[in-house]
Structures are given as C-alpha cells and as structure tokens.
C-alpha cells in the first residue's frame, strides 16, 4: 500500500526556517518523481519543488521559492525533505507531497489538469505577519 506522510509543519516568524519531511512507503523512491506542493486558503494548489533520483538527482524549483527552499531525499530512509529558509507570510499554506512514476521533475511541479498518482494529507505551515 502506497503511503506518503508529511510532518514538520508549524508556526514561525518571518525570516525563520523550517524543514518538512515526507515519509514514503509502499514503493521505491528511485522510480518516482516526488514533489512538494502548497495550497493557500482560497488559492489553487501549486508545485513548489520536485525531485527525481532516477535522473541524476534532478530538481525543479518554482520561481517563488528558488534560492530559499531546498528539496532532497534520503533514499535509504524513504524520506523526501523540503528545507525552507527565509520564510515569508506569503509562504503560509498547507504543504503536501506527491509521487508519480511517469513525469519529469518539471512536469511533476508544473503540469496542470492531470492529477498526480499519490498524495499525502498535508502539513500546515504558518508564517506570522
């Protein structure tokens, strides 16, 4: 049974850092693209950062997090991380991880109109203003 479980969300002040974890089970990380997405209240879900270790650890970052967020994975532990620094109030959202075996990292993060195969429940990140 495929499962993705996020953790690490919380409430922080602007400029602070937070690291989210996505623990995966039921499949091998090596064959999937994994992505972090976020959805703010009243807004559509957007891809934040995506990674695939089947293609030399290829990564993709959205413009609004590039240079502040880092995605990485621990293949042995089956965990994908999202290190977030320089957090801003506009980063406030529910962050979810997703997995899909058939997409490139850019498609994983940007493709619209097509759902990803597997999703976690999400974890809330609040950056106080």
Protein backbone atom coordinates (compact mmCIF):
# COMPACT_ATOMS: atom_id res chain seq x y z
CA UNK A 1 0.00 0.00 0.00
CA UNK A 2 1.46 3.34 -1.07
CA UNK A 3 1.60 5.97 1.65
CA UNK A 4 3.05 9.44 1.91
CA UNK A 5 3.06 11.08 5.33
CA UNK A 6 4.14 14.67 5.82
CA UNK A 7 5.45 16.17 9.03
CA UNK A 8 7.33 19.21 10.25
CA UNK A 9 4.78 21.95 9.74
CA UNK A 10 4.28 24.67 12.31
CA UNK A 11 4.10 28.35 13.03
CA UNK A 12 7.17 30.54 12.57
CA UNK A 13 8.18 34.18 12.31
CA UNK A 14 9.22 35.81 9.03
CA UNK A 15 12.82 35.03 8.15
CA UNK A 16 12.89 31.80 10.11
CA UNK A 17 13.47 28.30 8.74
CA UNK A 18 11.52 25.06 8.79
CA UNK A 19 12.13 21.60 7.37
CA UNK A 20 9.30 19.41 6.17
CA UNK A 21 9.55 15.64 5.80
CA UNK A 22 7.62 13.30 3.53
CA UNK A 23 7.95 9.68 4.58
CA UNK A 24 7.07 7.32 1.75
CA UNK A 25 6.29 3.62 1.85
CA UNK A 26 4.90 1.03 -0.49
CA UNK A 27 7.12 1.96 -3.43
CA UNK A 28 10.74 2.58 -4.29
CA UNK A 29 11.75 6.23 -4.37
CA UNK A 30 14.18 5.59 -7.18
CA UNK A 31 11.45 5.10 -9.74
CA UNK A 32 9.27 8.10 -8.91
CA UNK A 33 9.28 11.84 -9.20
CA UNK A 34 8.40 13.35 -5.82
CA UNK A 35 7.07 16.84 -5.39
CA UNK A 36 6.11 19.30 -2.71
CA UNK A 37 3.01 21.35 -3.40
CA UNK A 38 1.26 24.02 -1.43
CA UNK A 39 -2.23 25.44 -1.25
CA UNK A 40 -3.02 28.69 0.50
CA UNK A 41 -6.58 29.47 1.64
CA UNK A 42 -8.74 30.40 -1.33
CA UNK A 43 -5.99 29.70 -3.85
CA UNK A 44 -5.16 26.85 -6.18
CA UNK A 45 -2.52 24.29 -5.37
CA UNK A 46 0.92 24.99 -6.84
CA UNK A 47 4.06 22.99 -7.27
CA UNK A 48 6.88 24.19 -5.01
CA UNK A 49 9.83 21.85 -5.58
CA UNK A 50 10.26 18.47 -7.22
CA UNK A 51 12.98 15.83 -7.35
CA UNK A 52 13.81 12.60 -9.09
CA UNK A 53 16.81 10.42 -8.32
CA UNK A 54 16.28 8.34 -11.40
CA UNK A 55 17.84 11.15 -13.40
CA UNK A 56 20.98 12.22 -11.51
CA UNK A 57 19.04 13.81 -8.67
CA UNK A 58 17.29 16.19 -10.99
CA UNK A 59 15.42 19.01 -9.23
CA UNK A 60 12.97 21.75 -10.15
CA UNK A 61 12.00 24.81 -8.13
CA UNK A 62 9.20 27.25 -8.66
CA UNK A 63 10.26 30.86 -9.08
CA UNK A 64 8.66 31.92 -5.82
CA UNK A 65 10.91 29.62 -3.72
CA UNK A 66 14.08 29.39 -5.77
CA UNK A 67 17.09 30.23 -3.64
CA UNK A 68 15.17 29.84 -0.37
CA UNK A 69 13.93 26.23 -0.42
CA UNK A 70 15.90 23.02 -0.98
CA UNK A 71 14.44 19.63 -1.78
CA UNK A 72 16.39 16.47 -1.05
CA UNK A 73 15.82 12.84 -0.32
CA UNK A 74 17.14 10.08 1.86
CA UNK A 75 16.67 7.08 -0.35
CA UNK A 76 17.68 4.62 2.35
CA UNK A 77 15.19 6.11 4.76
CA UNK A 78 12.45 6.64 2.21
CA UNK A 79 12.08 10.31 3.09
CA UNK A 80 11.95 13.46 0.98
CA UNK A 81 12.77 16.75 2.71
CA UNK A 82 11.90 20.34 2.00
CA UNK A 83 14.23 22.76 3.75
CA UNK A 84 12.66 26.19 3.85
CA UNK A 85 14.57 29.29 4.83
CA UNK A 86 13.81 32.99 4.70
CA UNK A 87 10.13 32.23 5.19
CA UNK A 88 7.63 34.94 4.30
CA UNK A 89 3.97 35.39 5.28
CA UNK A 90 3.02 34.53 1.69
CA UNK A 91 4.56 31.07 2.20
CA UNK A 92 1.69 30.26 4.56
CA UNK A 93 -0.14 27.22 3.16
CA UNK A 94 -0.87 23.54 3.54
CA UNK A 95 2.14 21.72 2.11
CA UNK A 96 1.59 18.29 0.59
CA UNK A 97 3.91 15.80 -1.04
CA UNK A 98 3.01 13.75 -4.07
CA UNK A 99 4.55 10.96 -6.10
CA UNK A 100 4.23 9.95 -9.72
CA UNK A 101 6.28 7.46 -11.76
CA UNK A 102 5.60 8.92 -15.17
CA UNK A 103 6.63 12.57 -15.02
CA UNK A 104 9.81 14.59 -15.32
CA UNK A 105 10.57 16.83 -12.36
CA UNK A 106 9.43 19.93 -14.25
CA UNK A 107 6.20 18.29 -15.30
CA UNK A 108 5.73 16.99 -11.79
CA UNK A 109 5.78 20.54 -10.49
CA UNK A 110 4.07 22.41 -13.31
CA UNK A 111 1.69 20.13 -15.21
CA UNK A 112 -1.92 21.19 -14.73
CA UNK A 113 -5.11 19.33 -15.47
CA UNK A 114 -3.55 15.99 -14.61
CA UNK A 115 -3.53 14.68 -11.06
CA UNK A 116 -0.51 13.01 -9.52
CA UNK A 117 -0.73 9.33 -8.66
CA UNK A 118 -0.27 9.55 -4.90
CA UNK A 119 -0.73 12.28 -2.30
CA UNK A 120 -0.14 12.78 1.37
CA UNK A 121 -2.60 14.52 3.68
CA UNK A 122 -0.53 17.67 4.07
CA UNK A 123 1.01 19.69 6.86
CA UNK A 124 0.24 23.31 7.71
CA UNK A 125 2.93 25.97 7.61
CA UNK A 126 2.05 29.36 9.04
CA UNK A 127 4.39 32.33 8.77
CA UNK A 128 3.12 35.04 11.04
CA UNK A 129 2.82 38.51 9.62
